[in-house]
Structures are given as C-alpha cells and as structure tokens.
Amino acid sequence: MVTVVFGARGNVGRHVADGLLAAGEQVRAVSRTPAVGLTPGWEAVAADLDRPETLTAALDGADKMFLYGMLDPQNPYDVEKVAATATAAGIRQVVLLSSVSVLNPDADHLVPRLNRTIEQAIQRSGMDWTFLRPGTFATNTRTWWAEMIRTDNVVRLPYPLAQSAPVHEKAIAALAVTALTEPGHSHQAYTIYGAESLTLQQQVEYIGEALGRRIRIEHVSDEQARADVGRTMHPALAEAIVSQWAAANGVPVPTSVIAEKITGTPAHTYAQWAVDHVDDFR
C-alpha cells in the first residue's frame, strides 16, 4: 500500500518521504508544486490542503498518511473536510505533525488553538493516529537569523542567554517514519524536544563554528525583536516567540531523547544541525 506524505518538499516532510523509501514503503509525495524527478522512487502529486477537492486523487489507493498541522496561521485549512476526505478514501492511519503548544491549557494563542482543533478532528475521524508535538524547530533559527548573518554577520537578540532545546527536523522525521512503519504507536502523542538546553548565544556560536568565523551578537529591545521575527513569521508567532525568550532568560528548558529511544537513531544535536545547514548561512 501507499503512504501519502503531505508537505513533501518541506523541512520535515522531505525527510519523512526519504525515510519511508529507505524502509521499503511506496511513497506518494504531495505538495502544491511537486518536485517531479528530484527524488527517485517518489510518486510526486500536486494537491492542496486548502482545496479538499484536490485531495481525492492524491489519497486514492493509499492507506496511511503524514499530515502537518497548522504551521502557517495565515493559511489554515479545513481539517474536518480533510479528515472526511481521507477516511472516505480509505486512509486508516495518520501521523500528524502538531505542536507542543497544545499542552499548555492556558495558551489561547492562535497556534495552539488551531493545532488543538486539528488533533480533535483527527481523533473524531476514526483513523488510527499518532501525534508528534515538537517544541522549537532548529530550522526556526535559520528563518530568524540567516539573512542577518549572510548580510551583516550579526544576530540581533533581546535575550542572548534565553534557553531553548531546538529539535532537528531529521529527529522528527525519523519518529514519523517509525510510527508509520512499526506497530505500537497508535493513539500515542509524543512530545519532542532537542537533547540539549542551549542559550541562543550558544546556538549562534555553533553556527559560527560551522561557518568558521565568529558571529557578532547585538542586543535589541523586545519590540525590535518582534519586528525582526515578524518579517518572516505571523505577528502572533513573533509575539509568542519573544515572550518565550523572555520567560526562558537564563532558565534551562525541558529536553528529550524520545526520538532516540523510539527510533534507535542517535540524538541529533544543534551543532550537527548547524553543520547540516551551513550553506544556508553563507
């Protein structure tokens, strides 16, 4: 049978598709603009979660799918229609890339609210489900800092000693592949943090080590930081991120080796991530 991977050109989805292929699975890689021919073995299909009428053909003959949650609050999709289309097409199992923010009962920000809605709709659908709830994506640091580093060799931060535990996208993908190919993960929700609590300054230093040069850190106000993050992310996300940095200033954050424990793959460090993505910062 076929496993459908939505967002197959994305940071996590492309590693999920590659991991499934390596495990001997048939993969149908779905995106708005499929990358035909880039990865041998992929069946590349164009479909859009924002347009449920495009999904039937993408899901035809498949029995499993990898689905991303509300990563872009500016483009929410109708999860009820997506779930109904998937079950009608015969999808039995779904692995959802959700967010750790759903675990905060007091959070009423856009991202946790939308991801809770998606999780609840999938739970009601009757499909077997596994929820992956990562914390901070390591790729967020590329989104926030790459342009600053490329153009000025600087990272502007309000709280250089704020800590986070960035998650390598390969760790999330490995966990998704395991859940889709091995038994024992039905109706499980996995909270995924990185293996190390690092200050933002340390993260910048790891990028500098990968580049072979020292990157300057410039202290800025919360307001300026929100503006900087808001250039590449929704304003609600920018507000939440800077608030998280303020709360974690000098404070170690939770870490996790859940991906390593379940998949048997050694934990991916942020230093490894920086090396993997060094060209993004050149």
C-alpha atoms as a PDB file:
ATOM      1  CA  MET A   1       0.000   0.000   0.000  1.00  0.00           C
ATOM      2  CA  VAL A   2       0.928   3.627  -0.432  1.00  0.00           C
ATOM      3  CA  THR A   3       1.809   6.205   2.232  1.00  0.00           C
ATOM      4  CA  VAL A   4       0.887   9.773   1.351  1.00  0.00           C
ATOM      5  CA  VAL A   5       3.275  12.456   2.608  1.00  0.00           C
ATOM      6  CA  PHE A   6       1.825  15.951   2.667  1.00  0.00           C
ATOM      7  CA  GLY A   7       4.291  18.829   2.612  1.00  0.00           C
ATOM      8  CA  ALA A   8       6.825  16.550   0.934  1.00  0.00           C
ATOM      9  CA  ARG A   9       9.017  19.490  -0.070  1.00  0.00           C
ATOM     10  CA  GLY A  10       9.027  20.894   3.477  1.00  0.00           C
ATOM     11  CA  ASN A  11      11.680  20.748   6.178  1.00  0.00           C
ATOM     12  CA  VAL A  12      10.241  17.628   7.825  1.00  0.00           C
ATOM     13  CA  GLY A  13       8.156  16.095   5.037  1.00  0.00           C
ATOM     14  CA  ARG A  14      11.043  15.533   2.648  1.00  0.00           C
ATOM     15  CA  HIS A  15      12.912  13.542   5.310  1.00  0.00           C
ATOM     16  CA  VAL A  16       9.752  11.558   6.066  1.00  0.00           C
ATOM     17  CA  ALA A  17       9.426  10.654   2.383  1.00  0.00           C
ATOM     18  CA  ASP A  18      13.087   9.676   2.120  1.00  0.00           C
ATOM     19  CA  GLY A  19      12.875   7.621   5.320  1.00  0.00           C
ATOM     20  CA  LEU A  20       9.808   5.744   4.112  1.00  0.00           C
ATOM     21  CA  LEU A  21      11.515   4.958   0.812  1.00  0.00           C
ATOM     22  CA  ALA A  22      14.545   3.656   2.695  1.00  0.00           C
ATOM     23  CA  ALA A  23      12.181   1.434   4.728  1.00  0.00           C
ATOM     24  CA  GLY A  24      10.789  -0.069   1.507  1.00  0.00           C
ATOM     25  CA  GLU A  25       7.475   1.803   1.532  1.00  0.00           C
ATOM     26  CA  GLN A  26       5.700   3.177  -1.519  1.00  0.00           C
ATOM     27  CA  VAL A  27       5.588   6.947  -1.181  1.00  0.00           C
ATOM     28  CA  ARG A  28       3.241   9.457  -2.758  1.00  0.00           C
ATOM     29  CA  ALA A  29       4.839  12.850  -2.188  1.00  0.00           C
ATOM     30  CA  VAL A  30       2.227  15.617  -2.133  1.00  0.00           C
ATOM     31  CA  SER A  31       2.803  19.352  -2.315  1.00  0.00           C
ATOM     32  CA  ARG A  32       1.270  22.358  -4.016  1.00  0.00           C
ATOM     33  CA  THR A  33       4.077  22.294  -6.576  1.00  0.00           C
ATOM     34  CA  PRO A  34       5.525  18.776  -6.643  1.00  0.00           C
ATOM     35  CA  ALA A  35       9.239  18.321  -7.241  1.00  0.00           C
ATOM     36  CA  VAL A  36       8.989  15.848 -10.086  1.00  0.00           C
ATOM     37  CA  GLY A  37      12.088  13.757 -10.596  1.00  0.00           C
ATOM     38  CA  LEU A  38      14.152  15.188  -7.736  1.00  0.00           C
ATOM     39  CA  THR A  39      13.966  12.025  -5.648  1.00  0.00           C
ATOM     40  CA  PRO A  40      13.907   8.646  -7.433  1.00  0.00           C
ATOM     41  CA  GLY A  41      11.086   6.488  -6.115  1.00  0.00           C
ATOM     42  CA  TRP A  42       8.722   9.292  -5.171  1.00  0.00           C
ATOM     43  CA  GLU A  43       5.381   9.478  -6.870  1.00  0.00           C
ATOM     44  CA  ALA A  44       5.021  13.265  -6.986  1.00  0.00           C
ATOM     45  CA  VAL A  45       1.446  14.579  -6.884  1.00  0.00           C
ATOM     46  CA  ALA A  46       0.040  18.109  -6.763  1.00  0.00           C
ATOM     47  CA  ALA A  47      -2.661  18.748  -4.152  1.00  0.00           C
ATOM     48  CA  ASP A  48      -3.557  21.461  -1.689  1.00  0.00           C
ATOM     49  CA  LEU A  49      -4.964  21.021   1.813  1.00  0.00           C
ATOM     50  CA  ASP A  50      -6.661  24.394   1.355  1.00  0.00           C
ATOM     51  CA  ARG A  51      -8.655  22.834  -1.505  1.00  0.00           C
ATOM     52  CA  PRO A  52     -10.098  19.489  -0.315  1.00  0.00           C
ATOM     53  CA  GLU A  53     -11.438  18.777  -3.793  1.00  0.00           C
ATOM     54  CA  THR A  54      -7.822  18.205  -4.914  1.00  0.00           C
ATOM     55  CA  LEU A  55      -7.166  15.534  -2.288  1.00  0.00           C
ATOM     56  CA  THR A  56      -9.207  12.592  -3.548  1.00  0.00           C
ATOM     57  CA  ALA A  57      -6.798  11.724  -6.347  1.00  0.00           C
ATOM     58  CA  ALA A  58      -3.801  12.198  -4.066  1.00  0.00           C
ATOM     59  CA  LEU A  59      -5.246   9.786  -1.487  1.00  0.00           C
ATOM     60  CA  ASP A  60      -6.618   7.183  -3.906  1.00  0.00           C
ATOM     61  CA  GLY A  61      -5.307   3.697  -3.125  1.00  0.00           C
ATOM     62  CA  ALA A  62      -3.339   4.804  -0.057  1.00  0.00           C
ATOM     63  CA  ASP A  63      -3.835   3.580   3.495  1.00  0.00           C
ATOM     64  CA  LYS A  64      -1.514   5.828   5.543  1.00  0.00           C
ATOM     65  CA  MET A  65      -0.573   9.493   5.548  1.00  0.00           C
ATOM     66  CA  PHE A  66       1.763  12.014   7.135  1.00  0.00           C
ATOM     67  CA  LEU A  67      -0.032  15.302   7.726  1.00  0.00           C
ATOM     68  CA  TYR A  68       1.283  18.604   9.020  1.00  0.00           C
ATOM     69  CA  GLY A  69      -0.650  20.737  11.466  1.00  0.00           C
ATOM     70  CA  MET A  70      -1.120  24.473  11.485  1.00  0.00           C
ATOM     71  CA  LEU A  71       2.402  25.604  10.651  1.00  0.00           C
ATOM     72  CA  ASP A  72       1.198  28.742   8.878  1.00  0.00           C
ATOM     73  CA  PRO A  73      -1.583  30.546  10.766  1.00  0.00           C
ATOM     74  CA  GLN A  74      -2.192  32.739   7.748  1.00  0.00           C
ATOM     75  CA  ASN A  75      -3.292  29.737   5.710  1.00  0.00           C
ATOM     76  CA  PRO A  76      -5.430  27.451   7.907  1.00  0.00           C
ATOM     77  CA  TYR A  77      -7.037  24.506   6.164  1.00  0.00           C
ATOM     78  CA  ASP A  78     -10.434  22.940   6.842  1.00  0.00           C
ATOM     79  CA  VAL A  79      -9.371  19.910   8.854  1.00  0.00           C
ATOM     80  CA  GLU A  80     -12.899  18.475   9.045  1.00  0.00           C
ATOM     81  CA  LYS A  81     -13.059  18.289   5.243  1.00  0.00           C
ATOM     82  CA  VAL A  82      -9.528  16.912   5.025  1.00  0.00           C
ATOM     83  CA  ALA A  83     -10.275  14.196   7.590  1.00  0.00           C
ATOM     84  CA  ALA A  84     -13.564  13.285   5.912  1.00  0.00           C
ATOM     85  CA  THR A  85     -11.881  13.047   2.511  1.00  0.00           C
ATOM     86  CA  ALA A  86      -9.089  10.885   3.957  1.00  0.00           C
ATOM     87  CA  THR A  87     -11.428   8.423   5.662  1.00  0.00           C
ATOM     88  CA  ALA A  88     -13.633   8.216   2.562  1.00  0.00           C
ATOM     89  CA  ALA A  89     -10.526   7.411   0.501  1.00  0.00           C
ATOM     90  CA  GLY A  90      -9.607   4.545   2.844  1.00  0.00           C
ATOM     91  CA  ILE A  91      -6.840   6.110   4.934  1.00  0.00           C
ATOM     92  CA  ARG A  92      -6.529   4.034   8.103  1.00  0.00           C
ATOM     93  CA  GLN A  93      -3.572   5.663   9.826  1.00  0.00           C
ATOM     94  CA  VAL A  94      -2.320   9.236  10.154  1.00  0.00           C
ATOM     95  CA  VAL A  95       0.797  10.690  11.740  1.00  0.00           C
ATOM     96  CA  LEU A  96       0.252  14.371  12.481  1.00  0.00           C
ATOM     97  CA  LEU A  97       2.983  16.950  12.947  1.00  0.00           C
ATOM     98  CA  SER A  98       1.380  19.061  15.663  1.00  0.00           C
ATOM     99  CA  SER A  99       2.914  21.386  18.282  1.00  0.00           C
ATOM    100  CA  VAL A 100       3.974  21.172  21.912  1.00  0.00           C
ATOM    101  CA  SER A 101       1.937  24.336  22.471  1.00  0.00           C
ATOM    102  CA  VAL A 102      -1.261  22.253  22.622  1.00  0.00           C
ATOM    103  CA  LEU A 103      -0.134  21.001  26.042  1.00  0.00           C
ATOM    104  CA  ASN A 104      -0.455  24.434  27.634  1.00  0.00           C
ATOM    105  CA  PRO A 105      -4.056  24.627  28.919  1.00  0.00           C
ATOM    106  CA  ASP A 106      -3.755  28.370  29.461  1.00  0.00           C
ATOM    107  CA  ALA A 107      -2.472  29.165  25.981  1.00  0.00           C
ATOM    108  CA  ASP A 108      -5.068  30.821  23.812  1.00  0.00           C
ATOM    109  CA  HIS A 109      -2.707  31.928  21.103  1.00  0.00           C
ATOM    110  CA  LEU A 110      -3.508  31.167  17.502  1.00  0.00           C
ATOM    111  CA  VAL A 111      -1.074  28.274  17.022  1.00  0.00           C
ATOM    112  CA  PRO A 112      -2.122  26.075  19.997  1.00  0.00           C
ATOM    113  CA  ARG A 113      -5.775  26.780  19.332  1.00  0.00           C
ATOM    114  CA  LEU A 114      -5.576  25.755  15.680  1.00  0.00           C
ATOM    115  CA  ASN A 115      -3.456  22.670  16.369  1.00  0.00           C
ATOM    116  CA  ARG A 116      -5.850  21.529  19.110  1.00  0.00           C
ATOM    117  CA  THR A 117      -8.650  21.821  16.559  1.00  0.00           C
ATOM    118  CA  ILE A 118      -6.745  19.623  14.109  1.00  0.00           C
ATOM    119  CA  GLU A 119      -5.894  16.985  16.720  1.00  0.00           C
ATOM    120  CA  GLN A 120      -9.504  16.813  17.902  1.00  0.00           C
ATOM    121  CA  ALA A 121     -10.852  16.444  14.371  1.00  0.00           C
ATOM    122  CA  ILE A 122      -8.462  13.577  13.687  1.00  0.00           C
ATOM    123  CA  GLN A 123      -9.396  11.875  16.949  1.00  0.00           C
ATOM    124  CA  ARG A 124     -13.056  12.039  15.912  1.00  0.00           C
ATOM    125  CA  SER A 125     -12.353  10.723  12.415  1.00  0.00           C
ATOM    126  CA  GLY A 126     -11.920   7.073  13.385  1.00  0.00           C
ATOM    127  CA  MET A 127      -8.418   6.824  11.890  1.00  0.00           C
ATOM    128  CA  ASP A 128      -5.553   5.434  13.938  1.00  0.00           C
ATOM    129  CA  TRP A 129      -3.447   8.419  14.888  1.00  0.00           C
ATOM    130  CA  THR A 130      -0.050   9.384  16.258  1.00  0.00           C
ATOM    131  CA  PHE A 131       0.648  12.992  17.221  1.00  0.00           C
ATOM    132  CA  LEU A 132       4.163  14.424  17.105  1.00  0.00           C
ATOM    133  CA  ARG A 133       4.420  17.543  19.266  1.00  0.00           C
ATOM    134  CA  PRO A 134       7.810  19.168  18.813  1.00  0.00           C
ATOM    135  CA  GLY A 135       8.982  22.226  20.674  1.00  0.00           C
ATOM    136  CA  THR A 136      11.266  24.733  18.961  1.00  0.00           C
ATOM    137  CA  PHE A 137      12.295  23.676  15.466  1.00  0.00           C
ATOM    138  CA  ALA A 138      16.005  24.126  14.823  1.00  0.00           C
ATOM    139  CA  THR A 139      15.027  25.399  11.365  1.00  0.00           C
ATOM    140  CA  ASN A 140      13.384  28.395  13.030  1.00  0.00           C
ATOM    141  CA  THR A 141      16.832  29.774  13.760  1.00  0.00           C
ATOM    142  CA  ARG A 142      17.552  29.715  10.038  1.00  0.00           C
ATOM    143  CA  THR A 143      14.333  31.617   9.419  1.00  0.00           C
ATOM    144  CA  TRP A 144      15.175  34.222  12.079  1.00  0.00           C
ATOM    145  CA  TRP A 145      18.908  34.663  11.620  1.00  0.00           C
ATOM    146  CA  ALA A 146      20.106  33.544   8.177  1.00  0.00           C
ATOM    147  CA  GLU A 147      19.637  36.870   6.431  1.00  0.00           C
ATOM    148  CA  MET A 148      21.282  38.816   9.291  1.00  0.00           C
ATOM    149  CA  ILE A 149      24.269  36.502   9.248  1.00  0.00           C
ATOM    150  CA  ARG A 150      24.621  36.490   5.475  1.00  0.00           C
ATOM    151  CA  THR A 151      24.391  40.269   5.119  1.00  0.00           C
ATOM    152  CA  ASP A 152      25.913  41.677   8.346  1.00  0.00           C
ATOM    153  CA  ASN A 153      27.471  38.705  10.196  1.00  0.00           C
ATOM    154  CA  VAL A 154      25.290  39.613  13.186  1.00  0.00           C
ATOM    155  CA  VAL A 155      22.352  38.207  15.137  1.00  0.00           C
ATOM    156  CA  ARG A 156      20.126  40.720  16.943  1.00  0.00           C
ATOM    157  CA  LEU A 157      18.700  39.317  20.178  1.00  0.00           C
ATOM    158  CA  PRO A 158      16.795  40.713  23.168  1.00  0.00           C
ATOM    159  CA  TYR A 159      17.830  37.831  25.444  1.00  0.00           C
ATOM    160  CA  PRO A 160      21.091  36.145  24.338  1.00  0.00           C
ATOM    161  CA  LEU A 161      21.017  33.946  27.463  1.00  0.00           C
ATOM    162  CA  ALA A 162      17.465  32.709  26.869  1.00  0.00           C
ATOM    163  CA  GLN A 163      17.496  28.931  26.543  1.00  0.00           C
ATOM    164  CA  SER A 164      15.738  26.541  24.193  1.00  0.00           C
ATOM    165  CA  ALA A 165      16.142  22.916  23.098  1.00  0.00           C
ATOM    166  CA  PRO A 166      15.972  23.061  19.284  1.00  0.00           C
ATOM    167  CA  VAL A 167      14.757  19.921  17.528  1.00  0.00           C
ATOM    168  CA  HIS A 168      16.498  18.760  14.353  1.00  0.00           C
ATOM    169  CA  GLU A 169      13.921  18.075  11.640  1.00  0.00           C
ATOM    170  CA  LYS A 170      15.573  14.712  10.977  1.00  0.00           C
ATOM    171  CA  ALA A 171      14.667  13.571  14.508  1.00  0.00           C
ATOM    172  CA  ILE A 172      11.006  14.443  13.949  1.00  0.00           C
ATOM    173  CA  ALA A 173      11.009  12.705  10.577  1.00  0.00           C
ATOM    174  CA  ALA A 174      12.645   9.548  11.976  1.00  0.00           C
ATOM    175  CA  LEU A 175       9.945   9.328  14.626  1.00  0.00           C
ATOM    176  CA  ALA A 176       7.239   9.793  11.987  1.00  0.00           C
ATOM    177  CA  VAL A 177       8.713   7.023   9.830  1.00  0.00           C
ATOM    178  CA  THR A 178       8.859   4.659  12.806  1.00  0.00           C
ATOM    179  CA  ALA A 179       5.234   5.377  13.711  1.00  0.00           C
ATOM    180  CA  LEU A 180       4.160   4.747  10.106  1.00  0.00           C
ATOM    181  CA  THR A 181       6.098   1.508   9.640  1.00  0.00           C
ATOM    182  CA  GLU A 182       6.176  -0.216  13.024  1.00  0.00           C
ATOM    183  CA  PRO A 183       3.373  -1.305  15.384  1.00  0.00           C
ATOM    184  CA  GLY A 184       2.746   0.137  18.822  1.00  0.00           C
ATOM    185  CA  HIS A 185       2.264   3.836  18.080  1.00  0.00           C
ATOM    186  CA  SER A 186      -1.491   4.040  17.568  1.00  0.00           C
ATOM    187  CA  HIS A 187      -3.193   6.658  19.758  1.00  0.00           C
ATOM    188  CA  GLN A 188       0.138   7.916  21.069  1.00  0.00           C
ATOM    189  CA  ALA A 189       1.221  11.544  21.393  1.00  0.00           C
ATOM    190  CA  TYR A 190       4.958  12.202  21.577  1.00  0.00           C
ATOM    191  CA  THR A 191       6.406  15.425  22.954  1.00  0.00           C
ATOM    192  CA  ILE A 192       9.713  16.115  21.219  1.00  0.00           C
ATOM    193  CA  TYR A 193      12.407  18.456  22.465  1.00  0.00           C
ATOM    194  CA  GLY A 194      16.040  18.625  21.498  1.00  0.00           C
ATOM    195  CA  ALA A 195      18.564  16.707  23.587  1.00  0.00           C
ATOM    196  CA  GLU A 196      20.293  19.862  24.902  1.00  0.00           C
ATOM    197  CA  SER A 197      19.156  23.078  26.576  1.00  0.00           C
ATOM    198  CA  LEU A 198      21.217  25.785  24.875  1.00  0.00           C
ATOM    199  CA  THR A 199      21.286  29.537  25.139  1.00  0.00           C
ATOM    200  CA  LEU A 200      20.555  31.493  21.983  1.00  0.00           C
ATOM    201  CA  GLN A 201      24.138  32.735  22.209  1.00  0.00           C
ATOM    202  CA  GLN A 202      25.428  29.142  22.161  1.00  0.00           C
ATOM    203  CA  GLN A 203      23.291  28.402  19.129  1.00  0.00           C
ATOM    204  CA  VAL A 204      24.776  31.385  17.309  1.00  0.00           C
ATOM    205  CA  GLU A 205      28.246  30.185  18.302  1.00  0.00           C
ATOM    206  CA  TYR A 206      27.563  26.739  16.801  1.00  0.00           C
ATOM    207  CA  ILE A 207      26.540  28.365  13.539  1.00  0.00           C
ATOM    208  CA  GLY A 208      29.739  30.413  13.673  1.00  0.00           C
ATOM    209  CA  GLU A 209      31.820  27.267  14.244  1.00  0.00           C
ATOM    210  CA  ALA A 210      30.189  25.636  11.219  1.00  0.00           C
ATOM    211  CA  LEU A 211      30.974  28.737   9.155  1.00  0.00           C
ATOM    212  CA  GLY A 212      34.494  29.065  10.534  1.00  0.00           C
ATOM    213  CA  ARG A 213      34.042  32.584  11.853  1.00  0.00           C
ATOM    214  CA  ARG A 214      32.741  34.462  14.884  1.00  0.00           C
ATOM    215  CA  ILE A 215      29.243  35.946  14.549  1.00  0.00           C
ATOM    216  CA  ARG A 216      28.578  39.159  16.428  1.00  0.00           C
ATOM    217  CA  ILE A 217      25.551  39.400  18.763  1.00  0.00           C
ATOM    218  CA  GLU A 218      23.771  42.725  19.060  1.00  0.00           C
ATOM    219  CA  HIS A 219      21.376  43.386  21.954  1.00  0.00           C
ATOM    220  CA  VAL A 220      17.992  44.800  20.900  1.00  0.00           C
ATOM    221  CA  SER A 221      14.678  45.589  22.578  1.00  0.00           C
ATOM    222  CA  ASP A 222      11.717  43.225  22.703  1.00  0.00           C
ATOM    223  CA  GLU A 223       9.933  45.498  20.257  1.00  0.00           C
ATOM    224  CA  GLN A 224      12.770  45.314  17.737  1.00  0.00           C
ATOM    225  CA  ALA A 225      12.994  41.535  18.168  1.00  0.00           C
ATOM    226  CA  ARG A 226       9.272  41.159  17.459  1.00  0.00           C
ATOM    227  CA  ALA A 227       9.723  43.248  14.332  1.00  0.00           C
ATOM    228  CA  ASP A 228      12.710  41.154  13.213  1.00  0.00           C
ATOM    229  CA  VAL A 229      10.922  37.822  13.759  1.00  0.00           C
ATOM    230  CA  GLY A 230       7.731  39.264  12.294  1.00  0.00           C
ATOM    231  CA  ARG A 231       9.453  39.780   8.934  1.00  0.00           C
ATOM    232  CA  THR A 232       9.367  36.036   8.345  1.00  0.00           C
ATOM    233  CA  MET A 233       6.579  34.830  10.653  1.00  0.00           C
ATOM    234  CA  HIS A 234       2.996  35.712  11.538  1.00  0.00           C
ATOM    235  CA  PRO A 235       2.831  38.549  14.124  1.00  0.00           C
ATOM    236  CA  ALA A 236       1.127  36.239  16.638  1.00  0.00           C
ATOM    237  CA  LEU A 237       4.050  33.830  16.322  1.00  0.00           C
ATOM    238  CA  ALA A 238       6.572  36.632  16.665  1.00  0.00           C
ATOM    239  CA  GLU A 239       4.879  37.804  19.865  1.00  0.00           C
ATOM    240  CA  ALA A 240       4.843  34.262  21.283  1.00  0.00           C
ATOM    241  CA  ILE A 241       8.486  33.617  20.409  1.00  0.00           C
ATOM    242  CA  VAL A 242       9.828  36.781  22.033  1.00  0.00           C
ATOM    243  CA  SER A 243       7.665  36.069  25.100  1.00  0.00           C
ATOM    244  CA  GLN A 244       9.180  32.575  25.292  1.00  0.00           C
ATOM    245  CA  TRP A 245      12.664  34.034  25.139  1.00  0.00           C
ATOM    246  CA  ALA A 246      11.847  36.436  27.973  1.00  0.00           C
ATOM    247  CA  ALA A 247      10.471  33.604  30.126  1.00  0.00           C
ATOM    248  CA  ALA A 248      13.486  31.384  29.409  1.00  0.00           C
ATOM    249  CA  ASN A 249      16.138  34.041  30.013  1.00  0.00           C
ATOM    250  CA  GLY A 250      18.834  32.191  31.943  1.00  0.00           C
ATOM    251  CA  VAL A 251      16.456  29.286  32.602  1.00  0.00           C
ATOM    252  CA  PRO A 252      17.144  25.715  31.380  1.00  0.00           C
ATOM    253  CA  VAL A 253      14.258  24.250  29.385  1.00  0.00           C
ATOM    254  CA  PRO A 254      12.990  20.657  29.096  1.00  0.00           C
ATOM    255  CA  THR A 255      14.995  18.285  26.902  1.00  0.00           C
ATOM    256  CA  SER A 256      14.102  14.902  25.492  1.00  0.00           C
ATOM    257  CA  VAL A 257      15.590  11.780  23.914  1.00  0.00           C
ATOM    258  CA  ILE A 258      12.218  10.326  22.914  1.00  0.00           C
ATOM    259  CA  ALA A 259      13.155  10.194  19.228  1.00  0.00           C
ATOM    260  CA  GLU A 260      16.384   8.354  20.010  1.00  0.00           C
ATOM    261  CA  LYS A 261      14.589   5.961  22.368  1.00  0.00           C
ATOM    262  CA  ILE A 262      11.868   5.030  19.879  1.00  0.00           C
ATOM    263  CA  THR A 263      13.829   5.037  16.631  1.00  0.00           C
ATOM    264  CA  GLY A 264      17.210   3.808  17.857  1.00  0.00           C
ATOM    265  CA  THR A 265      18.848   6.694  15.992  1.00  0.00           C
ATOM    266  CA  PRO A 266      21.423   8.699  17.988  1.00  0.00           C
ATOM    267  CA  ALA A 267      20.164  12.087  19.124  1.00  0.00           C
ATOM    268  CA  HIS A 268      20.698  14.919  16.649  1.00  0.00           C
ATOM    269  CA  THR A 269      22.467  17.875  18.260  1.00  0.00           C
ATOM    270  CA  TYR A 270      22.119  21.511  17.330  1.00  0.00           C
ATOM    271  CA  ALA A 271      25.816  21.545  16.438  1.00  0.00           C
ATOM    272  CA  GLN A 272      25.084  18.818  13.872  1.00  0.00           C
ATOM    273  CA  TRP A 273      22.139  20.810  12.587  1.00  0.00           C
ATOM    274  CA  ALA A 274      24.361  23.878  12.103  1.00  0.00           C
ATOM    275  CA  VAL A 275      26.822  21.804  10.054  1.00  0.00           C
ATOM    276  CA  ASP A 276      23.980  20.276   8.022  1.00  0.00           C
ATOM    277  CA  HIS A 277      22.673  23.764   7.195  1.00  0.00           C
ATOM    278  CA  VAL A 278      25.895  25.738   6.977  1.00  0.00           C
ATOM    279  CA  ASP A 279      25.244  26.728   3.349  1.00  0.00           C
ATOM    280  CA  ASP A 280      22.013  28.464   4.415  1.00  0.00           C
ATOM    281  CA  PHE A 281      24.073  30.984   6.357  1.00  0.00           C
ATOM    282  CA  ARG A 282      26.864  31.671   3.850  1.00  0.00           C
END
